[in-house]
Amino acid sequence: MLDLRKEGIKVSTIMPGSVASYFNDHQPNDKDAWKIQPEDIGQIVYDLLKMNPRTLPSKIEVRPTRPGGK
């Protein structure tokens, strides 16, 4: 990120917690409703692309609001 920003290239790291995805051969199901949904991560990417050029969010950590659905 530090090397490329002088070239006008932005780099952001998105660090999601539990996501309802197909990672590691998992099949998302109703029990995953408490997890972050793939479209939530997509919204973050979209928001980053629309962000004012003067800003550079370097790290974005995202966690579900209720661990384990409790």
PDB file of N, CA and C in Angstrom:
ATOM      1  N   MET A   1       0.830  -1.181   0.000  1.00  0.00           N
ATOM      2  CA  MET A   1       0.000   0.000   0.000  1.00  0.00           C
ATOM      3  C   MET A   1       0.882   1.255   0.000  1.00  0.00           C
ATOM      4  N   LEU A   2       1.901   1.298   0.846  1.00  0.00           N
ATOM      5  CA  LEU A   2       2.748   2.482   0.923  1.00  0.00           C
ATOM      6  C   LEU A   2       3.543   2.686  -0.368  1.00  0.00           C
ATOM      7  N   ASP A   3       3.981   1.600  -0.992  1.00  0.00           N
ATOM      8  CA  ASP A   3       4.755   1.703  -2.226  1.00  0.00           C
ATOM      9  C   ASP A   3       3.908   2.173  -3.405  1.00  0.00           C
ATOM     10  N   LEU A   4       2.642   1.780  -3.448  1.00  0.00           N
ATOM     11  CA  LEU A   4       1.804   2.048  -4.613  1.00  0.00           C
ATOM     12  C   LEU A   4       0.999   3.341  -4.535  1.00  0.00           C
ATOM     13  N   ARG A   5       0.802   3.878  -3.358  1.00  0.00           N
ATOM     14  CA  ARG A   5      -0.050   5.071  -3.274  1.00  0.00           C
ATOM     15  C   ARG A   5       0.552   6.265  -4.005  1.00  0.00           C
ATOM     16  N   LYS A   6       1.883   6.314  -4.146  1.00  0.00           N
ATOM     17  CA  LYS A   6       2.517   7.401  -4.910  1.00  0.00           C
ATOM     18  C   LYS A   6       2.169   7.314  -6.394  1.00  0.00           C
ATOM     19  N   GLU A   7       1.769   6.134  -6.831  1.00  0.00           N
ATOM     20  CA  GLU A   7       1.369   5.916  -8.223  1.00  0.00           C
ATOM     21  C   GLU A   7      -0.142   6.103  -8.420  1.00  0.00           C
ATOM     22  N   GLY A   8      -0.836   6.495  -7.355  1.00  0.00           N
ATOM     23  CA  GLY A   8      -2.277   6.674  -7.438  1.00  0.00           C
ATOM     24  C   GLY A   8      -3.048   5.373  -7.321  1.00  0.00           C
ATOM     25  N   ILE A   9      -2.382   4.332  -6.859  1.00  0.00           N
ATOM     26  CA  ILE A   9      -3.030   3.022  -6.694  1.00  0.00           C
ATOM     27  C   ILE A   9      -3.330   2.828  -5.222  1.00  0.00           C
ATOM     28  N   LYS A  10      -4.595   2.574  -4.930  1.00  0.00           N
ATOM     29  CA  LYS A  10      -5.014   2.349  -3.545  1.00  0.00           C
ATOM     30  C   LYS A  10      -5.059   0.849  -3.253  1.00  0.00           C
ATOM     31  N   VAL A  11      -4.629   0.488  -2.074  1.00  0.00           N
ATOM     32  CA  VAL A  11      -4.703  -0.900  -1.622  1.00  0.00           C
ATOM     33  C   VAL A  11      -5.346  -0.909  -0.240  1.00  0.00           C
ATOM     34  N   SER A  12      -6.423  -1.657  -0.105  1.00  0.00           N
ATOM     35  CA  SER A  12      -7.099  -1.810   1.185  1.00  0.00           C
ATOM     36  C   SER A  12      -7.183  -3.288   1.502  1.00  0.00           C
ATOM     37  N   THR A  13      -6.997  -3.617   2.768  1.00  0.00           N
ATOM     38  CA  THR A  13      -7.113  -4.999   3.225  1.00  0.00           C
ATOM     39  C   THR A  13      -8.437  -5.140   3.961  1.00  0.00           C
ATOM     40  N   ILE A  14      -9.275  -6.063   3.509  1.00  0.00           N
ATOM     41  CA  ILE A  14     -10.535  -6.357   4.185  1.00  0.00           C
ATOM     42  C   ILE A  14     -10.329  -7.642   4.974  1.00  0.00           C
ATOM     43  N   MET A  15     -10.558  -7.563   6.268  1.00  0.00           N
ATOM     44  CA  MET A  15     -10.337  -8.707   7.158  1.00  0.00           C
ATOM     45  C   MET A  15     -11.672  -9.123   7.770  1.00  0.00           C
ATOM     46  N   PRO A  16     -12.400 -10.016   7.086  1.00  0.00           N
ATOM     47  CA  PRO A  16     -13.710 -10.423   7.602  1.00  0.00           C
ATOM     48  C   PRO A  16     -13.606 -11.526   8.643  1.00  0.00           C
ATOM     49  N   GLY A  17     -14.556 -11.514   9.555  1.00  0.00           N
ATOM     50  CA  GLY A  17     -14.694 -12.616  10.511  1.00  0.00           C
ATOM     51  C   GLY A  17     -15.466 -13.736   9.840  1.00  0.00           C
ATOM     52  N   SER A  18     -16.397 -14.314  10.525  1.00  0.00           N
ATOM     53  CA  SER A  18     -17.166 -15.447   9.998  1.00  0.00           C
ATOM     54  C   SER A  18     -18.071 -15.000   8.859  1.00  0.00           C
ATOM     55  N   VAL A  19     -17.856 -15.595   7.682  1.00  0.00           N
ATOM     56  CA  VAL A  19     -18.645 -15.282   6.499  1.00  0.00           C
ATOM     57  C   VAL A  19     -19.335 -16.554   6.028  1.00  0.00           C
ATOM     58  N   ALA A  20     -20.595 -16.446   5.688  1.00  0.00           N
ATOM     59  CA  ALA A  20     -21.345 -17.582   5.142  1.00  0.00           C
ATOM     60  C   ALA A  20     -20.911 -17.770   3.692  1.00  0.00           C
ATOM     61  N   SER A  21     -19.908 -18.615   3.485  1.00  0.00           N
ATOM     62  CA  SER A  21     -19.367 -18.798   2.144  1.00  0.00           C
ATOM     63  C   SER A  21     -19.102 -20.279   1.882  1.00  0.00           C
ATOM     64  N   TYR A  22     -18.598 -20.551   0.702  1.00  0.00           N
ATOM     65  CA  TYR A  22     -18.272 -21.920   0.302  1.00  0.00           C
ATOM     66  C   TYR A  22     -16.817 -22.267   0.618  1.00  0.00           C
ATOM     67  N   PHE A  23     -16.151 -21.434   1.387  1.00  0.00           N
ATOM     68  CA  PHE A  23     -14.753 -21.662   1.745  1.00  0.00           C
ATOM     69  C   PHE A  23     -14.576 -23.015   2.431  1.00  0.00           C
ATOM     70  N   ASN A  24     -13.531 -23.725   2.064  1.00  0.00           N
ATOM     71  CA  ASN A  24     -13.182 -25.007   2.686  1.00  0.00           C
ATOM     72  C   ASN A  24     -14.305 -26.040   2.535  1.00  0.00           C
ATOM     73  N   ASP A  25     -14.958 -26.032   1.365  1.00  0.00           N
ATOM     74  CA  ASP A  25     -16.022 -26.986   1.032  1.00  0.00           C
ATOM     75  C   ASP A  25     -17.266 -26.860   1.912  1.00  0.00           C
ATOM     76  N   HIS A  26     -17.451 -25.726   2.568  1.00  0.00           N
ATOM     77  CA  HIS A  26     -18.653 -25.500   3.377  1.00  0.00           C
ATOM     78  C   HIS A  26     -19.835 -25.179   2.470  1.00  0.00           C
ATOM     79  N   GLN A  27     -20.989 -25.686   2.794  1.00  0.00           N
ATOM     80  CA  GLN A  27     -22.219 -25.355   2.080  1.00  0.00           C
ATOM     81  C   GLN A  27     -23.052 -24.437   2.973  1.00  0.00           C
ATOM     82  N   PRO A  28     -23.158 -23.143   2.638  1.00  0.00           N
ATOM     83  CA  PRO A  28     -23.952 -22.237   3.472  1.00  0.00           C
ATOM     84  C   PRO A  28     -25.379 -22.764   3.656  1.00  0.00           C
ATOM     85  N   ASN A  29     -25.908 -22.551   4.868  1.00  0.00           N
ATOM     86  CA  ASN A  29     -27.261 -23.013   5.187  1.00  0.00           C
ATOM     87  C   ASN A  29     -27.911 -22.038   6.162  1.00  0.00           C
ATOM     88  N   ASP A  30     -29.105 -22.389   6.629  1.00  0.00           N
ATOM     89  CA  ASP A  30     -29.847 -21.498   7.530  1.00  0.00           C
ATOM     90  C   ASP A  30     -29.106 -21.211   8.830  1.00  0.00           C
ATOM     91  N   LYS A  31     -28.278 -22.132   9.271  1.00  0.00           N
ATOM     92  CA  LYS A  31     -27.525 -21.923  10.515  1.00  0.00           C
ATOM     93  C   LYS A  31     -26.464 -20.829  10.364  1.00  0.00           C
ATOM     94  N   ASP A  32     -26.184 -20.441   9.129  1.00  0.00           N
ATOM     95  CA  ASP A  32     -25.187 -19.396   8.872  1.00  0.00           C
ATOM     96  C   ASP A  32     -25.793 -17.992   8.829  1.00  0.00           C
ATOM     97  N   ALA A  33     -27.066 -17.874   9.147  1.00  0.00           N
ATOM     98  CA  ALA A  33     -27.740 -16.575   9.048  1.00  0.00           C
ATOM     99  C   ALA A  33     -27.081 -15.510   9.932  1.00  0.00           C
ATOM    100  N   TRP A  34     -26.470 -15.909  11.032  1.00  0.00           N
ATOM    101  CA  TRP A  34     -25.826 -14.955  11.937  1.00  0.00           C
ATOM    102  C   TRP A  34     -24.496 -14.440  11.380  1.00  0.00           C
ATOM    103  N   LYS A  35     -23.944 -15.140  10.400  1.00  0.00           N
ATOM    104  CA  LYS A  35     -22.638 -14.771   9.854  1.00  0.00           C
ATOM    105  C   LYS A  35     -22.763 -13.597   8.879  1.00  0.00           C
ATOM    106  N   ILE A  36     -21.627 -12.978   8.609  1.00  0.00           N
ATOM    107  CA  ILE A  36     -21.558 -11.962   7.573  1.00  0.00           C
ATOM    108  C   ILE A  36     -21.901 -12.642   6.253  1.00  0.00           C
ATOM    109  N   GLN A  37     -22.710 -11.988   5.442  1.00  0.00           N
ATOM    110  CA  GLN A  37     -23.104 -12.552   4.158  1.00  0.00           C
ATOM    111  C   GLN A  37     -22.178 -12.024   3.059  1.00  0.00           C
ATOM    112  N   PRO A  38     -21.972 -12.804   2.001  1.00  0.00           N
ATOM    113  CA  PRO A  38     -21.076 -12.354   0.929  1.00  0.00           C
ATOM    114  C   PRO A  38     -21.445 -10.974   0.375  1.00  0.00           C
ATOM    115  N   GLU A  39     -22.735 -10.675   0.313  1.00  0.00           N
ATOM    116  CA  GLU A  39     -23.130  -9.363  -0.205  1.00  0.00           C
ATOM    117  C   GLU A  39     -22.712  -8.226   0.733  1.00  0.00           C
ATOM    118  N   ASP A  40     -22.530  -8.532   2.021  1.00  0.00           N
ATOM    119  CA  ASP A  40     -22.031  -7.517   2.955  1.00  0.00           C
ATOM    120  C   ASP A  40     -20.594  -7.133   2.608  1.00  0.00           C
ATOM    121  N   ILE A  41     -19.784  -8.133   2.266  1.00  0.00           N
ATOM    122  CA  ILE A  41     -18.405  -7.864   1.857  1.00  0.00           C
ATOM    123  C   ILE A  41     -18.408  -7.115   0.522  1.00  0.00           C
ATOM    124  N   GLY A  42     -19.301  -7.506  -0.374  1.00  0.00           N
ATOM    125  CA  GLY A  42     -19.437  -6.802  -1.642  1.00  0.00           C
ATOM    126  C   GLY A  42     -19.776  -5.334  -1.443  1.00  0.00           C
ATOM    127  N   GLN A  43     -20.622  -5.038  -0.465  1.00  0.00           N
ATOM    128  CA  GLN A  43     -20.979  -3.649  -0.169  1.00  0.00           C
ATOM    129  C   GLN A  43     -19.764  -2.874   0.314  1.00  0.00           C
ATOM    130  N   ILE A  44     -18.928  -3.514   1.098  1.00  0.00           N
ATOM    131  CA  ILE A  44     -17.704  -2.847   1.571  1.00  0.00           C
ATOM    132  C   ILE A  44     -16.802  -2.508   0.387  1.00  0.00           C
ATOM    133  N   VAL A  45     -16.635  -3.452  -0.531  1.00  0.00           N
ATOM    134  CA  VAL A  45     -15.809  -3.210  -1.719  1.00  0.00           C
ATOM    135  C   VAL A  45     -16.394  -2.060  -2.536  1.00  0.00           C
ATOM    136  N   TYR A  46     -17.689  -2.076  -2.734  1.00  0.00           N
ATOM    137  CA  TYR A  46     -18.360  -1.002  -3.474  1.00  0.00           C
ATOM    138  C   TYR A  46     -18.119   0.350  -2.788  1.00  0.00           C
ATOM    139  N   ASP A  47     -18.295   0.390  -1.474  1.00  0.00           N
ATOM    140  CA  ASP A  47     -18.096   1.636  -0.727  1.00  0.00           C
ATOM    141  C   ASP A  47     -16.658   2.133  -0.843  1.00  0.00           C
ATOM    142  N   LEU A  48     -15.697   1.208  -0.831  1.00  0.00           N
ATOM    143  CA  LEU A  48     -14.292   1.597  -0.995  1.00  0.00           C
ATOM    144  C   LEU A  48     -14.059   2.249  -2.369  1.00  0.00           C
ATOM    145  N   LEU A  49     -14.664   1.671  -3.396  1.00  0.00           N
ATOM    146  CA  LEU A  49     -14.491   2.204  -4.744  1.00  0.00           C
ATOM    147  C   LEU A  49     -15.126   3.582  -4.914  1.00  0.00           C
ATOM    148  N   LYS A  50     -16.174   3.873  -4.154  1.00  0.00           N
ATOM    149  CA  LYS A  50     -16.869   5.149  -4.248  1.00  0.00           C
ATOM    150  C   LYS A  50     -16.306   6.200  -3.287  1.00  0.00           C
ATOM    151  N   MET A  51     -15.369   5.814  -2.438  1.00  0.00           N
ATOM    152  CA  MET A  51     -14.840   6.709  -1.412  1.00  0.00           C
ATOM    153  C   MET A  51     -14.088   7.876  -2.041  1.00  0.00           C
ATOM    154  N   ASN A  52     -14.125   9.003  -1.373  1.00  0.00           N
ATOM    155  CA  ASN A  52     -13.439  10.192  -1.850  1.00  0.00           C
ATOM    156  C   ASN A  52     -11.955   9.875  -2.080  1.00  0.00           C
ATOM    157  N   PRO A  53     -11.389  10.321  -3.200  1.00  0.00           N
ATOM    158  CA  PRO A  53      -9.992  10.012  -3.525  1.00  0.00           C
ATOM    159  C   PRO A  53      -8.970  10.466  -2.485  1.00  0.00           C
ATOM    160  N   ARG A  54      -9.340  11.404  -1.638  1.00  0.00           N
ATOM    161  CA  ARG A  54      -8.370  11.872  -0.630  1.00  0.00           C
ATOM    162  C   ARG A  54      -8.247  10.919   0.557  1.00  0.00           C
ATOM    163  N   THR A  55      -9.100   9.896   0.597  1.00  0.00           N
ATOM    164  CA  THR A  55      -9.057   8.949   1.715  1.00  0.00           C
ATOM    165  C   THR A  55      -8.457   7.615   1.270  1.00  0.00           C
ATOM    166  N   LEU A  56      -7.804   6.944   2.215  1.00  0.00           N
ATOM    167  CA  LEU A  56      -7.204   5.644   1.937  1.00  0.00           C
ATOM    168  C   LEU A  56      -7.380   4.745   3.158  1.00  0.00           C
ATOM    169  N   PRO A  57      -8.503   4.020   3.229  1.00  0.00           N
ATOM    170  CA  PRO A  57      -8.662   3.062   4.331  1.00  0.00           C
ATOM    171  C   PRO A  57      -7.711   1.893   4.086  1.00  0.00           C
ATOM    172  N   SER A  58      -6.738   1.724   4.943  1.00  0.00           N
ATOM    173  CA  SER A  58      -5.746   0.684   4.696  1.00  0.00           C
ATOM    174  C   SER A  58      -6.205  -0.679   5.209  1.00  0.00           C
ATOM    175  N   LYS A  59      -6.911  -0.713   6.330  1.00  0.00           N
ATOM    176  CA  LYS A  59      -7.376  -1.981   6.904  1.00  0.00           C
ATOM    177  C   LYS A  59      -8.812  -1.847   7.379  1.00  0.00           C
ATOM    178  N   ILE A  60      -9.631  -2.813   6.996  1.00  0.00           N
ATOM    179  CA  ILE A  60     -11.026  -2.826   7.422  1.00  0.00           C
ATOM    180  C   ILE A  60     -11.297  -4.178   8.059  1.00  0.00           C
ATOM    181  N   GLU A  61     -11.560  -4.172   9.342  1.00  0.00           N
ATOM    182  CA  GLU A  61     -11.876  -5.404  10.079  1.00  0.00           C
ATOM    183  C   GLU A  61     -13.389  -5.471  10.268  1.00  0.00           C
ATOM    184  N   VAL A  62     -13.982  -6.609   9.883  1.00  0.00           N
ATOM    185  CA  VAL A  62     -15.428  -6.766   9.931  1.00  0.00           C
ATOM    186  C   VAL A  62     -15.748  -8.026  10.704  1.00  0.00           C
ATOM    187  N   ARG A  63     -16.657  -7.922  11.662  1.00  0.00           N
ATOM    188  CA  ARG A  63     -17.081  -9.061  12.476  1.00  0.00           C
ATOM    189  C   ARG A  63     -18.598  -9.121  12.498  1.00  0.00           C
ATOM    190  N   PRO A  64     -19.149 -10.327  12.647  1.00  0.00           N
ATOM    191  CA  PRO A  64     -20.614 -10.420  12.822  1.00  0.00           C
ATOM    192  C   PRO A  64     -21.003  -9.785  14.155  1.00  0.00           C
ATOM    193  N   THR A  65     -22.213  -9.280  14.229  1.00  0.00           N
ATOM    194  CA  THR A  65     -22.651  -8.607  15.459  1.00  0.00           C
ATOM    195  C   THR A  65     -22.957  -9.577  16.584  1.00  0.00           C
ATOM    196  N   ARG A  66     -23.357 -10.803  16.245  1.00  0.00           N
ATOM    197  CA  ARG A  66     -23.716 -11.769  17.274  1.00  0.00           C
ATOM    198  C   ARG A  66     -22.981 -13.085  17.039  1.00  0.00           C
ATOM    199  N   PRO A  67     -21.863 -13.335  17.737  1.00  0.00           N
ATOM    200  CA  PRO A  67     -21.139 -14.580  17.534  1.00  0.00           C
ATOM    201  C   PRO A  67     -22.005 -15.799  17.818  1.00  0.00           C
ATOM    202  N   GLY A  68     -22.003 -16.722  16.900  1.00  0.00           N
ATOM    203  CA  GLY A  68     -22.746 -17.964  17.095  1.00  0.00           C
ATOM    204  C   GLY A  68     -24.249 -17.820  17.042  1.00  0.00           C
ATOM    205  N   GLY A  69     -24.749 -16.654  16.708  1.00  0.00           N
ATOM    206  CA  GLY A  69     -26.182 -16.439  16.602  1.00  0.00           C
ATOM    207  C   GLY A  69     -26.904 -16.373  17.921  1.00  0.00           C
ATOM    208  N   LYS A  70     -26.178 -16.138  18.989  1.00  0.00           N
ATOM    209  CA  LYS A  70     -26.786 -16.091  20.325  1.00  0.00           C
ATOM    210  C   LYS A  70     -27.271 -14.709  20.659  1.00  0.00           C
TER     211      LYS A  70
END
